Amino acid sequence: MRVAPKVGDDLELSTRTDAFHATVKRLDWHDDKSRFVVTCHCAQRSMTQEEYDGLGADPDWTMRPLVSGN
């Protein structure tokens, strides 16, 4: 059985091409998805273009803008 991380936990996350560390900032249960959605802050100040492209291209990850375009 998997246990949900706690706010403040350090995690190693990965895409199909890279791995990176992040800190859990928020944890929400979504009934419609029957799963936790974890919001993290990347430990690095920035990422390389290759890491960014790998994250955006990985079908296991979903990118959601933090600020709306309105």
PDB file of N, CA and C in Angstrom:
ATOM      1  N   MET A   1       0.838  -1.172   0.000  1.00  0.00           N
ATOM      2  CA  MET A   1       0.000   0.000   0.000  1.00  0.00           C
ATOM      3  C   MET A   1       0.887   1.240   0.000  1.00  0.00           C
ATOM      4  N   ARG A   2       0.585   2.183  -0.868  1.00  0.00           N
ATOM      5  CA  ARG A   2       1.338   3.438  -0.916  1.00  0.00           C
ATOM      6  C   ARG A   2       0.791   4.412   0.111  1.00  0.00           C
ATOM      7  N   VAL A   3       1.673   5.182   0.688  1.00  0.00           N
ATOM      8  CA  VAL A   3       1.299   6.196   1.661  1.00  0.00           C
ATOM      9  C   VAL A   3       1.527   7.558   1.019  1.00  0.00           C
ATOM     10  N   ALA A   4       0.562   8.450   1.167  1.00  0.00           N
ATOM     11  CA  ALA A   4       0.695   9.793   0.600  1.00  0.00           C
ATOM     12  C   ALA A   4       1.808  10.545   1.325  1.00  0.00           C
ATOM     13  N   PRO A   5       2.577  11.341   0.603  1.00  0.00           N
ATOM     14  CA  PRO A   5       3.613  12.141   1.259  1.00  0.00           C
ATOM     15  C   PRO A   5       2.974  13.224   2.113  1.00  0.00           C
ATOM     16  N   LYS A   6       3.756  13.784   2.996  1.00  0.00           N
ATOM     17  CA  LYS A   6       3.290  14.866   3.861  1.00  0.00           C
ATOM     18  C   LYS A   6       3.904  16.180   3.402  1.00  0.00           C
ATOM     19  N   VAL A   7       3.218  17.288   3.683  1.00  0.00           N
ATOM     20  CA  VAL A   7       3.755  18.607   3.369  1.00  0.00           C
ATOM     21  C   VAL A   7       5.117  18.738   4.048  1.00  0.00           C
ATOM     22  N   GLY A   8       6.110  19.174   3.285  1.00  0.00           N
ATOM     23  CA  GLY A   8       7.478  19.321   3.784  1.00  0.00           C
ATOM     24  C   GLY A   8       8.383  18.153   3.433  1.00  0.00           C
ATOM     25  N   ASP A   9       7.801  17.028   3.016  1.00  0.00           N
ATOM     26  CA  ASP A   9       8.616  15.875   2.622  1.00  0.00           C
ATOM     27  C   ASP A   9       9.424  16.184   1.366  1.00  0.00           C
ATOM     28  N   ASP A  10      10.640  15.667   1.332  1.00  0.00           N
ATOM     29  CA  ASP A  10      11.471  15.751   0.128  1.00  0.00           C
ATOM     30  C   ASP A  10      11.239  14.493  -0.693  1.00  0.00           C
ATOM     31  N   LEU A  11      11.032  14.664  -1.993  1.00  0.00           N
ATOM     32  CA  LEU A  11      10.781  13.542  -2.893  1.00  0.00           C
ATOM     33  C   LEU A  11      11.771  13.553  -4.033  1.00  0.00           C
ATOM     34  N   GLU A  12      12.091  12.377  -4.538  1.00  0.00           N
ATOM     35  CA  GLU A  12      12.809  12.292  -5.808  1.00  0.00           C
ATOM     36  C   GLU A  12      11.766  11.930  -6.856  1.00  0.00           C
ATOM     37  N   LEU A  13      11.573  12.817  -7.804  1.00  0.00           N
ATOM     38  CA  LEU A  13      10.616  12.624  -8.886  1.00  0.00           C
ATOM     39  C   LEU A  13      11.380  12.349 -10.161  1.00  0.00           C
ATOM     40  N   SER A  14      10.719  11.723 -11.119  1.00  0.00           N
ATOM     41  CA  SER A  14      11.421  11.440 -12.362  1.00  0.00           C
ATOM     42  C   SER A  14      10.480  11.505 -13.554  1.00  0.00           C
ATOM     43  N   THR A  15      11.077  11.807 -14.680  1.00  0.00           N
ATOM     44  CA  THR A  15      10.416  11.695 -15.968  1.00  0.00           C
ATOM     45  C   THR A  15      11.040  10.469 -16.627  1.00  0.00           C
ATOM     46  N   ARG A  16      10.714  10.236 -17.850  1.00  0.00           N
ATOM     47  CA  ARG A  16      11.302   9.086 -18.544  1.00  0.00           C
ATOM     48  C   ARG A  16      12.771   9.315 -18.882  1.00  0.00           C
ATOM     49  N   THR A  17      13.231  10.567 -18.767  1.00  0.00           N
ATOM     50  CA  THR A  17      14.617  10.876 -19.135  1.00  0.00           C
ATOM     51  C   THR A  17      15.457  11.466 -18.009  1.00  0.00           C
ATOM     52  N   ASP A  18      14.844  12.022 -16.961  1.00  0.00           N
ATOM     53  CA  ASP A  18      15.594  12.702 -15.900  1.00  0.00           C
ATOM     54  C   ASP A  18      14.972  12.430 -14.536  1.00  0.00           C
ATOM     55  N   ALA A  19      15.739  12.750 -13.487  1.00  0.00           N
ATOM     56  CA  ALA A  19      15.235  12.705 -12.113  1.00  0.00           C
ATOM     57  C   ALA A  19      15.572  14.039 -11.453  1.00  0.00           C
ATOM     58  N   PHE A  20      14.729  14.451 -10.506  1.00  0.00           N
ATOM     59  CA  PHE A  20      14.971  15.708  -9.807  1.00  0.00           C
ATOM     60  C   PHE A  20      14.331  15.632  -8.425  1.00  0.00           C
ATOM     61  N   HIS A  21      14.779  16.505  -7.525  1.00  0.00           N
ATOM     62  CA  HIS A  21      14.260  16.542  -6.169  1.00  0.00           C
ATOM     63  C   HIS A  21      13.265  17.680  -6.025  1.00  0.00           C
ATOM     64  N   ALA A  22      12.252  17.453  -5.187  1.00  0.00           N
ATOM     65  CA  ALA A  22      11.224  18.463  -4.939  1.00  0.00           C
ATOM     66  C   ALA A  22      10.722  18.337  -3.509  1.00  0.00           C
ATOM     67  N   THR A  23      10.133  19.414  -3.011  1.00  0.00           N
ATOM     68  CA  THR A  23       9.550  19.443  -1.681  1.00  0.00           C
ATOM     69  C   THR A  23       8.041  19.559  -1.811  1.00  0.00           C
ATOM     70  N   VAL A  24       7.308  18.738  -1.059  1.00  0.00           N
ATOM     71  CA  VAL A  24       5.842  18.773  -1.090  1.00  0.00           C
ATOM     72  C   VAL A  24       5.362  20.065  -0.441  1.00  0.00           C
ATOM     73  N   LYS A  25       4.562  20.837  -1.171  1.00  0.00           N
ATOM     74  CA  LYS A  25       4.015  22.096  -0.671  1.00  0.00           C
ATOM     75  C   LYS A  25       2.540  21.995  -0.327  1.00  0.00           C
ATOM     76  N   ARG A  26       1.823  21.100  -1.007  1.00  0.00           N
ATOM     77  CA  ARG A  26       0.376  20.981  -0.802  1.00  0.00           C
ATOM     78  C   ARG A  26      -0.066  19.579  -1.206  1.00  0.00           C
ATOM     79  N   LEU A  27      -1.090  19.093  -0.541  1.00  0.00           N
ATOM     80  CA  LEU A  27      -1.619  17.765  -0.812  1.00  0.00           C
ATOM     81  C   LEU A  27      -3.138  17.844  -0.759  1.00  0.00           C
ATOM     82  N   ASP A  28      -3.806  17.479  -1.854  1.00  0.00           N
ATOM     83  CA  ASP A  28      -5.264  17.550  -1.933  1.00  0.00           C
ATOM     84  C   ASP A  28      -5.828  16.231  -2.440  1.00  0.00           C
ATOM     85  N   TRP A  29      -6.935  15.796  -1.834  1.00  0.00           N
ATOM     86  CA  TRP A  29      -7.646  14.618  -2.315  1.00  0.00           C
ATOM     87  C   TRP A  29      -8.672  15.072  -3.339  1.00  0.00           C
ATOM     88  N   HIS A  30      -8.705  14.396  -4.493  1.00  0.00           N
ATOM     89  CA  HIS A  30      -9.672  14.694  -5.547  1.00  0.00           C
ATOM     90  C   HIS A  30     -10.606  13.499  -5.691  1.00  0.00           C
ATOM     91  N   ASP A  31     -11.862  13.669  -5.257  1.00  0.00           N
ATOM     92  CA  ASP A  31     -12.843  12.577  -5.342  1.00  0.00           C
ATOM     93  C   ASP A  31     -13.047  12.118  -6.774  1.00  0.00           C
ATOM     94  N   ASP A  32     -13.110  13.069  -7.722  1.00  0.00           N
ATOM     95  CA  ASP A  32     -13.374  12.696  -9.109  1.00  0.00           C
ATOM     96  C   ASP A  32     -12.253  11.850  -9.715  1.00  0.00           C
ATOM     97  N   LYS A  33     -11.039  11.991  -9.197  1.00  0.00           N
ATOM     98  CA  LYS A  33      -9.902  11.213  -9.700  1.00  0.00           C
ATOM     99  C   LYS A  33      -9.567  10.031  -8.791  1.00  0.00           C
ATOM    100  N   SER A  34     -10.159   9.996  -7.610  1.00  0.00           N
ATOM    101  CA  SER A  34      -9.866   8.985  -6.593  1.00  0.00           C
ATOM    102  C   SER A  34      -8.370   8.881  -6.314  1.00  0.00           C
ATOM    103  N   ARG A  35      -7.750  10.055  -6.158  1.00  0.00           N
ATOM    104  CA  ARG A  35      -6.313  10.079  -5.875  1.00  0.00           C
ATOM    105  C   ARG A  35      -5.926  11.410  -5.246  1.00  0.00           C
ATOM    106  N   PHE A  36      -4.744  11.403  -4.645  1.00  0.00           N
ATOM    107  CA  PHE A  36      -4.167  12.634  -4.134  1.00  0.00           C
ATOM    108  C   PHE A  36      -3.476  13.368  -5.282  1.00  0.00           C
ATOM    109  N   VAL A  37      -3.568  14.683  -5.254  1.00  0.00           N
ATOM    110  CA  VAL A  37      -2.812  15.531  -6.169  1.00  0.00           C
ATOM    111  C   VAL A  37      -1.809  16.275  -5.307  1.00  0.00           C
ATOM    112  N   VAL A  38      -0.533  16.113  -5.633  1.00  0.00           N
ATOM    113  CA  VAL A  38       0.550  16.659  -4.830  1.00  0.00           C
ATOM    114  C   VAL A  38       1.171  17.840  -5.562  1.00  0.00           C
ATOM    115  N   THR A  39       1.241  18.983  -4.888  1.00  0.00           N
ATOM    116  CA  THR A  39       1.898  20.165  -5.433  1.00  0.00           C
ATOM    117  C   THR A  39       3.285  20.251  -4.818  1.00  0.00           C
ATOM    118  N   CYS A  40       4.299  20.355  -5.685  1.00  0.00           N
ATOM    119  CA  CYS A  40       5.683  20.359  -5.214  1.00  0.00           C
ATOM    120  C   CYS A  40       6.429  21.593  -5.700  1.00  0.00           C
ATOM    121  N   HIS A  41       7.498  21.890  -5.005  1.00  0.00           N
ATOM    122  CA  HIS A  41       8.410  22.959  -5.385  1.00  0.00           C
ATOM    123  C   HIS A  41       9.736  22.304  -5.731  1.00  0.00           C
ATOM    124  N   CYS A  42      10.213  22.552  -6.934  1.00  0.00           N
ATOM    125  CA  CYS A  42      11.470  21.963  -7.384  1.00  0.00           C
ATOM    126  C   CYS A  42      12.615  22.466  -6.514  1.00  0.00           C
ATOM    127  N   ALA A  43      13.491  21.568  -6.084  1.00  0.00           N
ATOM    128  CA  ALA A  43      14.605  21.936  -5.212  1.00  0.00           C
ATOM    129  C   ALA A  43      15.616  22.824  -5.931  1.00  0.00           C
ATOM    130  N   GLN A  44      15.775  22.637  -7.225  1.00  0.00           N
ATOM    131  CA  GLN A  44      16.701  23.451  -8.002  1.00  0.00           C
ATOM    132  C   GLN A  44      16.077  24.810  -8.274  1.00  0.00           C
ATOM    133  N   ARG A  45      16.908  25.809  -8.395  1.00  0.00           N
ATOM    134  CA  ARG A  45      16.406  27.148  -8.710  1.00  0.00           C
ATOM    135  C   ARG A  45      15.882  27.202 -10.139  1.00  0.00           C
ATOM    136  N   SER A  46      16.478  26.424 -11.015  1.00  0.00           N
ATOM    137  CA  SER A  46      16.036  26.375 -12.406  1.00  0.00           C
ATOM    138  C   SER A  46      16.347  24.993 -12.964  1.00  0.00           C
ATOM    139  N   MET A  47      15.837  24.729 -14.154  1.00  0.00           N
ATOM    140  CA  MET A  47      16.133  23.466 -14.821  1.00  0.00           C
ATOM    141  C   MET A  47      16.641  23.759 -16.222  1.00  0.00           C
ATOM    142  N   THR A  48      17.379  22.810 -16.766  1.00  0.00           N
ATOM    143  CA  THR A  48      17.900  22.991 -18.110  1.00  0.00           C
ATOM    144  C   THR A  48      16.763  22.891 -19.116  1.00  0.00           C
ATOM    145  N   GLN A  49      17.005  23.355 -20.313  1.00  0.00           N
ATOM    146  CA  GLN A  49      16.000  23.256 -21.373  1.00  0.00           C
ATOM    147  C   GLN A  49      15.657  21.795 -21.644  1.00  0.00           C
ATOM    148  N   GLU A  50      16.657  20.914 -21.584  1.00  0.00           N
ATOM    149  CA  GLU A  50      16.416  19.488 -21.809  1.00  0.00           C
ATOM    150  C   GLU A  50      15.504  18.897 -20.724  1.00  0.00           C
ATOM    151  N   GLU A  51      15.737  19.277 -19.459  1.00  0.00           N
ATOM    152  CA  GLU A  51      14.877  18.803 -18.373  1.00  0.00           C
ATOM    153  C   GLU A  51      13.447  19.317 -18.543  1.00  0.00           C
ATOM    154  N   TYR A  52      13.312  20.587 -18.887  1.00  0.00           N
ATOM    155  CA  TYR A  52      11.995  21.190 -19.106  1.00  0.00           C
ATOM    156  C   TYR A  52      11.262  20.502 -20.255  1.00  0.00           C
ATOM    157  N   ASP A  53      11.960  20.292 -21.361  1.00  0.00           N
ATOM    158  CA  ASP A  53      11.358  19.618 -22.514  1.00  0.00           C
ATOM    159  C   ASP A  53      10.955  18.189 -22.166  1.00  0.00           C
ATOM    160  N   GLY A  54      11.796  17.497 -21.393  1.00  0.00           N
ATOM    161  CA  GLY A  54      11.492  16.127 -20.988  1.00  0.00           C
ATOM    162  C   GLY A  54      10.260  16.059 -20.103  1.00  0.00           C
ATOM    163  N   LEU A  55      10.117  17.012 -19.208  1.00  0.00           N
ATOM    164  CA  LEU A  55       8.958  17.068 -18.328  1.00  0.00           C
ATOM    165  C   LEU A  55       7.689  17.351 -19.133  1.00  0.00           C
ATOM    166  N   GLY A  56       7.774  18.297 -20.058  1.00  0.00           N
ATOM    167  CA  GLY A  56       6.614  18.640 -20.880  1.00  0.00           C
ATOM    168  C   GLY A  56       6.203  17.544 -21.845  1.00  0.00           C
ATOM    169  N   ALA A  57       7.153  16.731 -22.275  1.00  0.00           N
ATOM    170  CA  ALA A  57       6.869  15.681 -23.254  1.00  0.00           C
ATOM    171  C   ALA A  57       6.470  14.356 -22.616  1.00  0.00           C
ATOM    172  N   ASP A  58       6.690  14.202 -21.321  1.00  0.00           N
ATOM    173  CA  ASP A  58       6.407  12.934 -20.654  1.00  0.00           C
ATOM    174  C   ASP A  58       4.897  12.772 -20.464  1.00  0.00           C
ATOM    175  N   PRO A  59       4.301  11.708 -21.014  1.00  0.00           N
ATOM    176  CA  PRO A  59       2.849  11.526 -20.906  1.00  0.00           C
ATOM    177  C   PRO A  59       2.374  11.223 -19.480  1.00  0.00           C
ATOM    178  N   ASP A  60       3.289  10.904 -18.575  1.00  0.00           N
ATOM    179  CA  ASP A  60       2.904  10.627 -17.185  1.00  0.00           C
ATOM    180  C   ASP A  60       2.737  11.898 -16.352  1.00  0.00           C
ATOM    181  N   TRP A  61       3.120  13.041 -16.914  1.00  0.00           N
ATOM    182  CA  TRP A  61       3.030  14.319 -16.209  1.00  0.00           C
ATOM    183  C   TRP A  61       2.003  15.209 -16.888  1.00  0.00           C
ATOM    184  N   THR A  62       1.318  16.033 -16.086  1.00  0.00           N
ATOM    185  CA  THR A  62       0.359  17.006 -16.600  1.00  0.00           C
ATOM    186  C   THR A  62       0.790  18.385 -16.160  1.00  0.00           C
ATOM    187  N   MET A  63       0.952  19.300 -17.103  1.00  0.00           N
ATOM    188  CA  MET A  63       1.335  20.660 -16.789  1.00  0.00           C
ATOM    189  C   MET A  63       0.071  21.507 -16.639  1.00  0.00           C
ATOM    190  N   ARG A  64       0.014  22.252 -15.539  1.00  0.00           N
ATOM    191  CA  ARG A  64      -1.113  23.141 -15.307  1.00  0.00           C
ATOM    192  C   ARG A  64      -0.563  24.531 -14.991  1.00  0.00           C
ATOM    193  N   PRO A  65      -0.962  25.545 -15.756  1.00  0.00           N
ATOM    194  CA  PRO A  65      -0.487  26.907 -15.479  1.00  0.00           C
ATOM    195  C   PRO A  65      -0.937  27.378 -14.097  1.00  0.00           C
ATOM    196  N   LEU A  66      -0.056  28.086 -13.413  1.00  0.00           N
ATOM    197  CA  LEU A  66      -0.389  28.609 -12.090  1.00  0.00           C
ATOM    198  C   LEU A  66      -1.134  29.936 -12.200  1.00  0.00           C
ATOM    199  N   VAL A  67      -0.988  30.627 -13.309  1.00  0.00           N
ATOM    200  CA  VAL A  67      -1.633  31.910 -13.511  1.00  0.00           C
ATOM    201  C   VAL A  67      -2.448  31.828 -14.794  1.00  0.00           C
ATOM    202  N   SER A  68      -3.683  32.283 -14.730  1.00  0.00           N
ATOM    203  CA  SER A  68      -4.533  32.239 -15.929  1.00  0.00           C
ATOM    204  C   SER A  68      -4.131  33.349 -16.891  1.00  0.00           C
ATOM    205  N   GLY A  69      -4.455  33.170 -18.147  1.00  0.00           N
ATOM    206  CA  GLY A  69      -4.104  34.140 -19.187  1.00  0.00           C
ATOM    207  C   GLY A  69      -5.100  35.277 -19.305  1.00  0.00           C
ATOM    208  N   ASN A  70      -6.050  35.384 -18.372  1.00  0.00           N
ATOM    209  CA  ASN A  70      -7.083  36.441 -18.453  1.00  0.00           C
ATOM    210  C   ASN A  70      -6.546  37.769 -18.025  1.00  0.00           C
TER     211      ASN A  70
END
